[in-house]
Full PDB file with SEQRES, HELIX, SHEET, SSBOND, CRYST1, ORIGX, SCALE, CONECT and MASTER records, all heavy atoms in Angstrom:
SEQRES   1 A   39  PRO GLU GLU GLU ILE ASP ALA LEU ASP ARG GLU ASN ALA          
SEQRES   2 A   39  ARG THR ARG LEU ALA GLN LEU ARG ALA GLY VAL ASP GLU          
SEQRES   3 A   39  ALA LEU GLU ARG GLY ARG ARG GLY SER VAL LEU ARG THR          
HELIX    1 AA1 ARG A   10  ARG A   38  1                                  29    
CRYST1    1.000    1.000    1.000  90.00  90.00  90.00 P 1           1          
ORIGX1      1.000000  0.000000  0.000000        0.00000                         
ORIGX2      0.000000  1.000000  0.000000        0.00000                         
ORIGX3      0.000000  0.000000  1.000000        0.00000                         
SCALE1      1.000000  0.000000  0.000000        0.00000                         
SCALE2      0.000000  1.000000  0.000000        0.00000                         
SCALE3      0.000000  0.000000  1.000000        0.00000                         
ATOM      1  N   PRO A   1    -109.319 111.529 106.759  1.00  0.00           N  
ATOM      2  CA  PRO A   1    -110.112 112.789 106.715  1.00  0.00           C  
ATOM      3  C   PRO A   1    -109.929 113.552 105.430  1.00  0.00           C  
ATOM      4  O   PRO A   1    -110.780 114.308 105.004  1.00  0.00           O  
ATOM      5  CB  PRO A   1    -109.640 113.561 107.931  1.00  0.00           C  
ATOM      6  CG  PRO A   1    -108.242 113.039 108.171  1.00  0.00           C  
ATOM      7  CD  PRO A   1    -108.260 111.579 107.795  1.00  0.00           C  
ATOM      8  N   GLU A   2    -108.723 113.349 104.775  1.00  0.00           N  
ATOM      9  CA  GLU A   2    -108.479 114.130 103.570  1.00  0.00           C  
ATOM     10  C   GLU A   2    -109.127 113.512 102.333  1.00  0.00           C  
ATOM     11  O   GLU A   2    -109.186 114.145 101.273  1.00  0.00           O  
ATOM     12  CB  GLU A   2    -106.950 114.269 103.361  1.00  0.00           C  
ATOM     13  CG  GLU A   2    -106.253 112.979 102.943  1.00  0.00           C  
ATOM     14  CD  GLU A   2    -106.028 112.002 104.133  1.00  0.00           C  
ATOM     15  OE1 GLU A   2    -106.399 112.383 105.257  1.00  0.00           O  
ATOM     16  OE2 GLU A   2    -105.502 110.908 103.875  1.00  0.00           O  
ATOM     17  N   GLU A   3    -109.550 112.242 102.435  1.00  0.00           N  
ATOM     18  CA  GLU A   3    -110.179 111.611 101.286  1.00  0.00           C  
ATOM     19  C   GLU A   3    -111.622 112.054 101.143  1.00  0.00           C  
ATOM     20  O   GLU A   3    -112.224 112.612 102.061  1.00  0.00           O  
ATOM     21  CB  GLU A   3    -110.110 110.074 101.469  1.00  0.00           C  
ATOM     22  CG  GLU A   3    -108.722 109.541 101.611  1.00  0.00           C  
ATOM     23  CD  GLU A   3    -107.917 109.641 100.332  1.00  0.00           C  
ATOM     24  OE1 GLU A   3    -108.569 109.700  99.284  1.00  0.00           O  
ATOM     25  OE2 GLU A   3    -106.693 109.687 100.425  1.00  0.00           O  
ATOM     26  N   GLU A   4    -112.200 111.739 100.010  1.00  0.00           N  
ATOM     27  CA  GLU A   4    -113.585 112.130  99.750  1.00  0.00           C  
ATOM     28  C   GLU A   4    -114.516 111.064 100.366  1.00  0.00           C  
ATOM     29  O   GLU A   4    -115.124 110.286  99.651  1.00  0.00           O  
ATOM     30  CB  GLU A   4    -113.830 112.278  98.269  1.00  0.00           C  
ATOM     31  CG  GLU A   4    -113.076 113.444  97.642  1.00  0.00           C  
ATOM     32  CD  GLU A   4    -113.422 113.617  96.153  1.00  0.00           C  
ATOM     33  OE1 GLU A   4    -114.274 112.852  95.670  1.00  0.00           O  
ATOM     34  OE2 GLU A   4    -112.862 114.560  95.542  1.00  0.00           O  
ATOM     35  N   ILE A   5    -114.550 111.045 101.691  1.00  0.00           N  
ATOM     36  CA  ILE A   5    -115.394 110.094 102.402  1.00  0.00           C  
ATOM     37  C   ILE A   5    -116.490 110.902 103.066  1.00  0.00           C  
ATOM     38  O   ILE A   5    -116.247 111.916 103.712  1.00  0.00           O  
ATOM     39  CB  ILE A   5    -114.594 109.333 103.462  1.00  0.00           C  
ATOM     40  CG1 ILE A   5    -113.480 108.523 102.747  1.00  0.00           C  
ATOM     41  CG2 ILE A   5    -115.470 108.390 104.259  1.00  0.00           C  
ATOM     42  CD1 ILE A   5    -112.564 107.805 103.695  1.00  0.00           C  
ATOM     43  N   ASP A   6    -117.698 110.469 102.889  1.00  0.00           N  
ATOM     44  CA  ASP A   6    -118.832 111.168 103.500  1.00  0.00           C  
ATOM     45  C   ASP A   6    -118.606 111.277 104.988  1.00  0.00           C  
ATOM     46  O   ASP A   6    -118.143 110.321 105.632  1.00  0.00           O  
ATOM     47  CB  ASP A   6    -120.140 110.433 103.204  1.00  0.00           C  
ATOM     48  CG  ASP A   6    -120.507 110.511 101.727  1.00  0.00           C  
ATOM     49  OD1 ASP A   6    -120.011 111.462 101.073  1.00  0.00           O  
ATOM     50  OD2 ASP A   6    -121.240 109.632 101.293  1.00  0.00           O  
ATOM     51  N   ALA A   7    -118.992 112.378 105.578  1.00  0.00           N  
ATOM     52  CA  ALA A   7    -118.896 112.553 107.032  1.00  0.00           C  
ATOM     53  C   ALA A   7    -119.820 111.540 107.714  1.00  0.00           C  
ATOM     54  O   ALA A   7    -120.798 111.060 107.138  1.00  0.00           O  
ATOM     55  CB  ALA A   7    -119.307 113.959 107.402  1.00  0.00           C  
ATOM     56  N   LEU A   8    -119.442 111.205 108.886  1.00  0.00           N  
ATOM     57  CA  LEU A   8    -120.223 110.206 109.654  1.00  0.00           C  
ATOM     58  C   LEU A   8    -121.655 110.719 109.832  1.00  0.00           C  
ATOM     59  O   LEU A   8    -121.894 111.795 110.362  1.00  0.00           O  
ATOM     60  CB  LEU A   8    -119.598 110.028 111.056  1.00  0.00           C  
ATOM     61  CG  LEU A   8    -120.286 109.081 112.019  1.00  0.00           C  
ATOM     62  CD1 LEU A   8    -120.308 107.683 111.452  1.00  0.00           C  
ATOM     63  CD2 LEU A   8    -119.576 109.088 113.371  1.00  0.00           C  
ATOM     64  N   ASP A   9    -122.593 109.903 109.355  1.00  0.00           N  
ATOM     65  CA  ASP A   9    -124.000 110.259 109.502  1.00  0.00           C  
ATOM     66  C   ASP A   9    -124.407 109.965 110.935  1.00  0.00           C  
ATOM     67  O   ASP A   9    -124.605 108.819 111.333  1.00  0.00           O  
ATOM     68  CB  ASP A   9    -124.823 109.412 108.527  1.00  0.00           C  
ATOM     69  CG  ASP A   9    -126.309 109.753 108.562  1.00  0.00           C  
ATOM     70  OD1 ASP A   9    -126.772 110.405 109.522  1.00  0.00           O  
ATOM     71  OD2 ASP A   9    -127.007 109.399 107.620  1.00  0.00           O  
ATOM     72  N   ARG A  10    -124.534 111.013 111.731  1.00  0.00           N  
ATOM     73  CA  ARG A  10    -124.794 110.854 113.147  1.00  0.00           C  
ATOM     74  C   ARG A  10    -126.133 110.159 113.421  1.00  0.00           C  
ATOM     75  O   ARG A  10    -126.235 109.344 114.342  1.00  0.00           O  
ATOM     76  CB  ARG A  10    -124.735 112.207 113.881  1.00  0.00           C  
ATOM     77  CG  ARG A  10    -123.343 112.718 114.101  1.00  0.00           C  
ATOM     78  CD  ARG A  10    -123.303 113.852 115.085  1.00  0.00           C  
ATOM     79  NE  ARG A  10    -121.925 114.266 115.329  1.00  0.00           N  
ATOM     80  CZ  ARG A  10    -121.258 115.138 114.573  1.00  0.00           C  
ATOM     81  NH1 ARG A  10    -121.845 115.700 113.535  1.00  0.00           N  
ATOM     82  NH2 ARG A  10    -120.010 115.469 114.880  1.00  0.00           N  
ATOM     83  N   GLU A  11    -127.134 110.460 112.606  1.00  0.00           N  
ATOM     84  CA  GLU A  11    -128.413 109.809 112.863  1.00  0.00           C  
ATOM     85  C   GLU A  11    -128.379 108.330 112.559  1.00  0.00           C  
ATOM     86  O   GLU A  11    -128.930 107.511 113.290  1.00  0.00           O  
ATOM     87  CB  GLU A  11    -129.502 110.483 111.996  1.00  0.00           C  
ATOM     88  CG  GLU A  11    -130.926 110.171 112.443  1.00  0.00           C  
ATOM     89  CD  GLU A  11    -131.160 110.551 113.906  1.00  0.00           C  
ATOM     90  OE1 GLU A  11    -130.703 111.660 114.320  1.00  0.00           O  
ATOM     91  OE2 GLU A  11    -131.826 109.765 114.578  1.00  0.00           O  
ATOM     92  N   ASN A  12    -127.655 107.974 111.499  1.00  0.00           N  
ATOM     93  CA  ASN A  12    -127.466 106.584 111.141  1.00  0.00           C  
ATOM     94  C   ASN A  12    -126.667 105.871 112.251  1.00  0.00           C  
ATOM     95  O   ASN A  12    -126.997 104.754 112.672  1.00  0.00           O  
ATOM     96  CB  ASN A  12    -126.732 106.482 109.816  1.00  0.00           C  
ATOM     97  CG  ASN A  12    -126.501 105.009 109.420  1.00  0.00           C  
ATOM     98  OD1 ASN A  12    -127.323 104.149 109.710  1.00  0.00           O  
ATOM     99  ND2 ASN A  12    -125.432 104.784 108.731  1.00  0.00           N  
ATOM    100  N   ALA A  13    -125.614 106.546 112.732  1.00  0.00           N  
ATOM    101  CA  ALA A  13    -124.811 105.965 113.799  1.00  0.00           C  
ATOM    102  C   ALA A  13    -125.637 105.806 115.078  1.00  0.00           C  
ATOM    103  O   ALA A  13    -125.509 104.819 115.789  1.00  0.00           O  
ATOM    104  CB  ALA A  13    -123.565 106.852 114.069  1.00  0.00           C  
ATOM    105  N   ARG A  14    -126.484 106.798 115.375  1.00  0.00           N  
ATOM    106  CA  ARG A  14    -127.293 106.739 116.580  1.00  0.00           C  
ATOM    107  C   ARG A  14    -128.252 105.546 116.479  1.00  0.00           C  
ATOM    108  O   ARG A  14    -128.491 104.834 117.470  1.00  0.00           O  
ATOM    109  CB  ARG A  14    -128.061 108.024 116.735  1.00  0.00           C  
ATOM    110  CG  ARG A  14    -128.661 108.221 118.138  1.00  0.00           C  
ATOM    111  CD  ARG A  14    -129.373 109.561 118.267  1.00  0.00           C  
ATOM    112  NE  ARG A  14    -128.512 110.664 117.944  1.00  0.00           N  
ATOM    113  CZ  ARG A  14    -127.666 111.201 118.847  1.00  0.00           C  
ATOM    114  NH1 ARG A  14    -127.612 110.723 120.089  1.00  0.00           N  
ATOM    115  NH2 ARG A  14    -126.920 112.239 118.499  1.00  0.00           N  
ATOM    116  N   THR A  15    -128.813 105.312 115.290  1.00  0.00           N  
ATOM    117  CA  THR A  15    -129.762 104.192 115.096  1.00  0.00           C  
ATOM    118  C   THR A  15    -129.042 102.899 115.290  1.00  0.00           C  
ATOM    119  O   THR A  15    -129.514 101.969 115.973  1.00  0.00           O  
ATOM    120  CB  THR A  15    -130.384 104.261 113.707  1.00  0.00           C  
ATOM    121  OG1 THR A  15    -131.130 105.493 113.578  1.00  0.00           O  
ATOM    122  CG2 THR A  15    -131.306 103.087 113.498  1.00  0.00           C  
ATOM    123  N   ARG A  16    -127.845 102.764 114.661  1.00  0.00           N  
ATOM    124  CA  ARG A  16    -127.028 101.548 114.805  1.00  0.00           C  
ATOM    125  C   ARG A  16    -126.683 101.291 116.261  1.00  0.00           C  
ATOM    126  O   ARG A  16    -126.727 100.154 116.741  1.00  0.00           O  
ATOM    127  CB  ARG A  16    -125.771 101.653 113.964  1.00  0.00           C  
ATOM    128  CG  ARG A  16    -125.977 101.561 112.474  1.00  0.00           C  
ATOM    129  CD  ARG A  16    -124.652 101.895 111.744  1.00  0.00           C  
ATOM    130  NE  ARG A  16    -124.777 101.833 110.323  1.00  0.00           N  
ATOM    131  CZ  ARG A  16    -124.290 100.815 109.566  1.00  0.00           C  
ATOM    132  NH1 ARG A  16    -123.727  99.772 110.123  1.00  0.00           N  
ATOM    133  NH2 ARG A  16    -124.451 100.824 108.256  1.00  0.00           N  
ATOM    134  N   LEU A  17    -126.305 102.360 116.955  1.00  0.00           N  
ATOM    135  CA  LEU A  17    -125.904 102.241 118.339  1.00  0.00           C  
ATOM    136  C   LEU A  17    -127.063 101.819 119.223  1.00  0.00           C  
ATOM    137  O   LEU A  17    -126.896 100.982 120.128  1.00  0.00           O  
ATOM    138  CB  LEU A  17    -125.333 103.586 118.831  1.00  0.00           C  
ATOM    139  CG  LEU A  17    -124.664 103.579 120.209  1.00  0.00           C  
ATOM    140  CD1 LEU A  17    -123.509 102.602 120.247  1.00  0.00           C  
ATOM    141  CD2 LEU A  17    -124.180 104.971 120.582  1.00  0.00           C  
ATOM    142  N   ALA A  18    -128.231 102.367 118.948  1.00  0.00           N  
ATOM    143  CA  ALA A  18    -129.427 101.963 119.721  1.00  0.00           C  
ATOM    144  C   ALA A  18    -129.729 100.468 119.514  1.00  0.00           C  
ATOM    145  O   ALA A  18    -130.133  99.773 120.471  1.00  0.00           O  
ATOM    146  CB  ALA A  18    -130.595 102.856 119.330  1.00  0.00           C  
ATOM    147  N   GLN A  19    -129.622  99.998 118.279  1.00  0.00           N  
ATOM    148  CA  GLN A  19    -129.835  98.605 117.990  1.00  0.00           C  
ATOM    149  C   GLN A  19    -128.855  97.699 118.719  1.00  0.00           C  
ATOM    150  O   GLN A  19    -129.186  96.660 119.288  1.00  0.00           O  
ATOM    151  CB  GLN A  19    -129.776  98.309 116.480  1.00  0.00           C  
ATOM    152  CG  GLN A  19    -130.927  98.973 115.741  1.00  0.00           C  
ATOM    153  CD  GLN A  19    -130.759  98.860 114.214  1.00  0.00           C  
ATOM    154  OE1 GLN A  19    -129.660  98.571 113.727  1.00  0.00           O  
ATOM    155  NE2 GLN A  19    -131.830  99.081 113.481  1.00  0.00           N  
ATOM    156  N   LEU A  20    -127.604  98.146 118.752  1.00  0.00           N  
ATOM    157  CA  LEU A  20    -126.549  97.424 119.425  1.00  0.00           C  
ATOM    158  C   LEU A  20    -126.833  97.334 120.949  1.00  0.00           C  
ATOM    159  O   LEU A  20    -126.732  96.272 121.527  1.00  0.00           O  
ATOM    160  CB  LEU A  20    -125.194  98.110 119.241  1.00  0.00           C  
ATOM    161  CG  LEU A  20    -124.277  97.509 118.206  1.00  0.00           C  
ATOM    162  CD1 LEU A  20    -123.069  98.459 117.989  1.00  0.00           C  
ATOM    163  CD2 LEU A  20    -123.808  96.133 118.608  1.00  0.00           C  
ATOM    164  N   ARG A  21    -127.200  98.477 121.527  1.00  0.00           N  
ATOM    165  CA  ARG A  21    -127.461  98.494 122.962  1.00  0.00           C  
ATOM    166  C   ARG A  21    -128.651  97.582 123.298  1.00  0.00           C  
ATOM    167  O   ARG A  21    -128.610  96.850 124.304  1.00  0.00           O  
ATOM    168  CB  ARG A  21    -127.729  99.940 123.434  1.00  0.00           C  
ATOM    169  CG  ARG A  21    -126.531 100.819 123.367  1.00  0.00           C  
ATOM    170  CD  ARG A  21    -126.815 102.152 124.040  1.00  0.00           C  
ATOM    171  NE  ARG A  21    -127.088 102.024 125.438  1.00  0.00           N  
ATOM    172  CZ  ARG A  21    -127.485 103.018 126.231  1.00  0.00           C  
ATOM    173  NH1 ARG A  21    -127.685 104.229 125.712  1.00  0.00           N  
ATOM    174  NH2 ARG A  21    -127.733 102.803 127.524  1.00  0.00           N  
ATOM    175  N   ALA A  22    -129.676  97.610 122.488  1.00  0.00           N  
ATOM    176  CA  ALA A  22    -130.813  96.752 122.735  1.00  0.00           C  
ATOM    177  C   ALA A  22    -130.428  95.251 122.610  1.00  0.00           C  
ATOM    178  O   ALA A  22    -130.879  94.431 123.414  1.00  0.00           O  
ATOM    179  CB  ALA A  22    -131.941  97.062 121.732  1.00  0.00           C  
ATOM    180  N   GLY A  23    -129.567  94.965 121.652  1.00  0.00           N  
ATOM    181  CA  GLY A  23    -129.111  93.555 121.485  1.00  0.00           C  
ATOM    182  C   GLY A  23    -128.271  93.087 122.648  1.00  0.00           C  
ATOM    183  O   GLY A  23    -128.416  91.943 123.109  1.00  0.00           O  
ATOM    184  N   VAL A  24    -127.395  93.972 123.130  1.00  0.00           N  
ATOM    185  CA  VAL A  24    -126.547  93.597 124.301  1.00  0.00           C  
ATOM    186  C   VAL A  24    -127.435  93.423 125.545  1.00  0.00           C  
ATOM    187  O   VAL A  24    -127.266  92.484 126.310  1.00  0.00           O  
ATOM    188  CB  VAL A  24    -125.461  94.648 124.544  1.00  0.00           C  
ATOM    189  CG1 VAL A  24    -124.798  94.454 125.857  1.00  0.00           C  
ATOM    190  CG2 VAL A  24    -124.458  94.616 123.388  1.00  0.00           C  
ATOM    191  N   ASP A  25    -128.398  94.314 125.715  1.00  0.00           N  
ATOM    192  CA  ASP A  25    -129.275  94.202 126.899  1.00  0.00           C  
ATOM    193  C   ASP A  25    -130.095  92.893 126.841  1.00  0.00           C  
ATOM    194  O   ASP A  25    -130.285  92.260 127.857  1.00  0.00           O  
ATOM    195  CB  ASP A  25    -130.257  95.436 126.917  1.00  0.00           C  
ATOM    196  CG  ASP A  25    -129.541  96.716 127.301  1.00  0.00           C  
ATOM    197  OD1 ASP A  25    -128.425  96.638 127.814  1.00  0.00           O  
ATOM    198  OD2 ASP A  25    -130.146  97.780 127.093  1.00  0.00           O  
ATOM    199  N   GLU A  26    -130.576  92.535 125.647  1.00  0.00           N  
ATOM    200  CA  GLU A  26    -131.327  91.288 125.536  1.00  0.00           C  
ATOM    201  C   GLU A  26    -130.462  90.101 125.822  1.00  0.00           C  
ATOM    202  O   GLU A  26    -130.869  89.171 126.532  1.00  0.00           O  
ATOM    203  CB  GLU A  26    -131.918  91.175 124.119  1.00  0.00           C  
ATOM    204  CG  GLU A  26    -132.763  89.911 123.954  1.00  0.00           C  
ATOM    205  CD  GLU A  26    -133.275  89.750 122.528  1.00  0.00           C  
ATOM    206  OE1 GLU A  26    -133.030  90.611 121.684  1.00  0.00           O  
ATOM    207  OE2 GLU A  26    -133.902  88.680 122.261  1.00  0.00           O  
ATOM    208  N   ALA A  27    -129.254  90.085 125.281  1.00  0.00           N  
ATOM    209  CA  ALA A  27    -128.308  88.970 125.546  1.00  0.00           C  
ATOM    210  C   ALA A  27    -127.968  88.898 127.032  1.00  0.00           C  
ATOM    211  O   ALA A  27    -127.904  87.762 127.592  1.00  0.00           O  
ATOM    212  CB  ALA A  27    -127.040  89.160 124.730  1.00  0.00           C  
ATOM    213  N   LEU A  28    -127.836  90.032 127.682  1.00  0.00           N  
ATOM    214  CA  LEU A  28    -127.527  90.049 129.128  1.00  0.00           C  
ATOM    215  C   LEU A  28    -128.700  89.461 129.915  1.00  0.00           C  
ATOM    216  O   LEU A  28    -128.494  88.684 130.856  1.00  0.00           O  
ATOM    217  CB  LEU A  28    -127.191  91.502 129.578  1.00  0.00           C  
ATOM    218  CG  LEU A  28    -126.859  91.679 131.045  1.00  0.00           C  
ATOM    219  CD1 LEU A  28    -125.675  90.795 131.463  1.00  0.00           C  
ATOM    220  CD2 LEU A  28    -126.559  93.137 131.340  1.00  0.00           C  
ATOM    221  N   GLU A  29    -129.922  89.845 129.539  1.00  0.00           N  
ATOM    222  CA  GLU A  29    -131.074  89.356 130.243  1.00  0.00           C  
ATOM    223  C   GLU A  29    -131.228  87.849 130.067  1.00  0.00           C  
ATOM    224  O   GLU A  29    -131.520  87.113 131.049  1.00  0.00           O  
ATOM    225  CB  GLU A  29    -132.342  90.089 129.767  1.00  0.00           C  
ATOM    226  CG  GLU A  29    -133.645  89.620 130.400  1.00  0.00           C  
ATOM    227  CD  GLU A  29    -133.658  89.781 131.913  1.00  0.00           C  
ATOM    228  OE1 GLU A  29    -132.973  90.704 132.422  1.00  0.00           O  
ATOM    229  OE2 GLU A  29    -134.322  89.001 132.578  1.00  0.00           O  
ATOM    230  N   ARG A  30    -131.023  87.355 128.842  1.00  0.00           N  
ATOM    231  CA  ARG A  30    -131.102  85.934 128.619  1.00  0.00           C  
ATOM    232  C   ARG A  30    -130.015  85.179 129.378  1.00  0.00           C  
ATOM    233  O   ARG A  30    -130.215  84.087 129.875  1.00  0.00           O  
ATOM    234  CB  ARG A  30    -131.006  85.617 127.132  1.00  0.00           C  
ATOM    235  CG  ARG A  30    -132.234  86.090 126.340  1.00  0.00           C  
ATOM    236  CD  ARG A  30    -132.012  85.982 124.830  1.00  0.00           C  
ATOM    237  NE  ARG A  30    -132.003  84.614 124.400  1.00  0.00           N  
ATOM    238  CZ  ARG A  30    -131.820  84.233 123.141  1.00  0.00           C  
ATOM    239  NH1 ARG A  30    -131.619  85.138 122.178  1.00  0.00           N  
ATOM    240  NH2 ARG A  30    -131.817  82.954 122.817  1.00  0.00           N  
ATOM    241  N   GLY A  31    -128.840  85.821 129.456  1.00  0.00           N  
ATOM    242  CA  GLY A  31    -127.748  85.219 130.201  1.00  0.00           C  
ATOM    243  C   GLY A  31    -128.061  85.167 131.689  1.00  0.00           C  
ATOM    244  O   GLY A  31    -127.734  84.174 132.378  1.00  0.00           O  
ATOM    245  N   ARG A  32    -128.622  86.208 132.222  1.00  0.00           N  
ATOM    246  CA  ARG A  32    -128.941  86.218 133.664  1.00  0.00           C  
ATOM    247  C   ARG A  32    -129.966  85.162 133.998  1.00  0.00           C  
ATOM    248  O   ARG A  32    -129.889  84.509 135.037  1.00  0.00           O  
ATOM    249  CB  ARG A  32    -129.467  87.601 134.046  1.00  0.00           C  
ATOM    250  CG  ARG A  32    -128.362  88.651 134.211  1.00  0.00           C  
ATOM    251  CD  ARG A  32    -128.916  90.013 134.476  1.00  0.00           C  
ATOM    252  NE  ARG A  32    -127.885  90.994 134.736  1.00  0.00           N  
ATOM    253  CZ  ARG A  32    -128.008  92.288 134.598  1.00  0.00           C  
ATOM    254  NH1 ARG A  32    -129.193  92.809 134.195  1.00  0.00           N  
ATOM    255  NH2 ARG A  32    -127.018  93.106 134.855  1.00  0.00           N  
ATOM    256  N   ARG A  33    -130.960  85.001 133.106  1.00  0.00           N  
ATOM    257  CA  ARG A  33    -131.954  83.964 133.365  1.00  0.00           C  
ATOM    258  C   ARG A  33    -131.339  82.600 133.340  1.00  0.00           C  
ATOM    259  O   ARG A  33    -131.672  81.708 134.149  1.00  0.00           O  
ATOM    260  CB  ARG A  33    -133.091  84.004 132.311  1.00  0.00           C  
ATOM    261  CG  ARG A  33    -134.000  85.218 132.433  1.00  0.00           C  
ATOM    262  CD  ARG A  33    -135.320  84.983 131.727  1.00  0.00           C  
ATOM    263  NE  ARG A  33    -135.173  84.555 130.351  1.00  0.00           N  
ATOM    264  CZ  ARG A  33    -135.200  85.375 129.295  1.00  0.00           C  
ATOM    265  NH1 ARG A  33    -135.356  86.664 129.499  1.00  0.00           N  
ATOM    266  NH2 ARG A  33    -135.060  84.910 128.069  1.00  0.00           N  
ATOM    267  N   GLY A  34    -130.395  82.374 132.450  1.00  0.00           N  
ATOM    268  CA  GLY A  34    -129.805  81.058 132.305  1.00  0.00           C  
ATOM    269  C   GLY A  34    -128.729  80.761 133.360  1.00  0.00           C  
ATOM    270  O   GLY A  34    -128.444  79.590 133.644  1.00  0.00           O  
ATOM    271  N   SER A  35    -128.144  81.820 133.949  1.00  0.00           N  
ATOM    272  CA  SER A  35    -127.053  81.602 134.883  1.00  0.00           C  
ATOM    273  C   SER A  35    -127.515  80.851 136.116  1.00  0.00           C  
ATOM    274  O   SER A  35    -126.749  80.079 136.745  1.00  0.00           O  
ATOM    275  CB  SER A  35    -126.415  82.925 135.313  1.00  0.00           C  
ATOM    276  OG  SER A  35    -127.339  83.713 136.046  1.00  0.00           O  
ATOM    277  N   VAL A  36    -128.800  81.016 136.462  1.00  0.00           N  
ATOM    278  CA  VAL A  36    -129.312  80.285 137.612  1.00  0.00           C  
ATOM    279  C   VAL A  36    -129.365  78.778 137.384  1.00  0.00           C  
ATOM    280  O   VAL A  36    -129.340  77.995 138.323  1.00  0.00           O  
ATOM    281  CB  VAL A  36    -130.734  80.830 138.010  1.00  0.00           C  
ATOM    282  CG1 VAL A  36    -131.779  80.389 137.003  1.00  0.00           C  
ATOM    283  CG2 VAL A  36    -131.125  80.388 139.411  1.00  0.00           C  
ATOM    284  N   LEU A  37    -129.397  78.365 136.121  1.00  0.00           N  
ATOM    285  CA  LEU A  37    -129.406  76.933 135.807  1.00  0.00           C  
ATOM    286  C   LEU A  37    -128.034  76.314 136.133  1.00  0.00           C  
ATOM    287  O   LEU A  37    -127.949  75.109 136.375  1.00  0.00           O  
ATOM    288  CB  LEU A  37    -129.724  76.729 134.337  1.00  0.00           C  
ATOM    289  CG  LEU A  37    -131.113  77.113 133.888  1.00  0.00           C  
ATOM    290  CD1 LEU A  37    -131.228  76.956 132.376  1.00  0.00           C  
ATOM    291  CD2 LEU A  37    -132.169  76.264 134.557  1.00  0.00           C  
ATOM    292  N   ARG A  38    -126.970  77.092 136.145  1.00  0.00           N  
ATOM    293  CA  ARG A  38    -125.629  76.615 136.498  1.00  0.00           C  
ATOM    294  C   ARG A  38    -125.481  76.457 137.997  1.00  0.00           C  
ATOM    295  O   ARG A  38    -125.042  75.435 138.508  1.00  0.00           O  
ATOM    296  CB  ARG A  38    -124.530  77.554 135.984  1.00  0.00           C  
ATOM    297  CG  ARG A  38    -124.398  77.578 134.458  1.00  0.00           C  
ATOM    298  CD  ARG A  38    -123.133  78.300 134.079  1.00  0.00           C  
ATOM    299  NE  ARG A  38    -121.952  77.581 134.561  1.00  0.00           N  
ATOM    300  CZ  ARG A  38    -121.194  78.012 135.563  1.00  0.00           C  
ATOM    301  NH1 ARG A  38    -121.484  79.088 136.212  1.00  0.00           N  
ATOM    302  NH2 ARG A  38    -120.159  77.310 135.922  1.00  0.00           N  
ATOM    303  N   THR A  39    -125.758  77.578 138.713  1.00  0.00           N  
ATOM    304  CA  THR A  39    -125.450  77.594 140.123  1.00  0.00           C  
ATOM    305  C   THR A  39    -126.592  77.162 141.002  1.00  0.00           C  
ATOM    306  O   THR A  39    -126.379  76.743 142.146  1.00  0.00           O  
ATOM    307  CB  THR A  39    -125.056  79.039 140.524  1.00  0.00           C  
ATOM    308  OG1 THR A  39    -126.138  79.916 140.248  1.00  0.00           O  
ATOM    309  CG2 THR A  39    -123.830  79.476 139.711  1.00  0.00           C  
TER     310      THR A  39                                                      
MASTER        0    0    0    1    0    0    0    6  309    1    0    3          
END                                                                             
């Protein structure tokens, strides 16, 4: 915090986080569809 580092850009972080959540949701959905092929 004492270094000259730009403060966390909340809007940028929010955008990154939204992309992450969408990616995890998509992977989960694809996984659920495929799990029925196992069992």
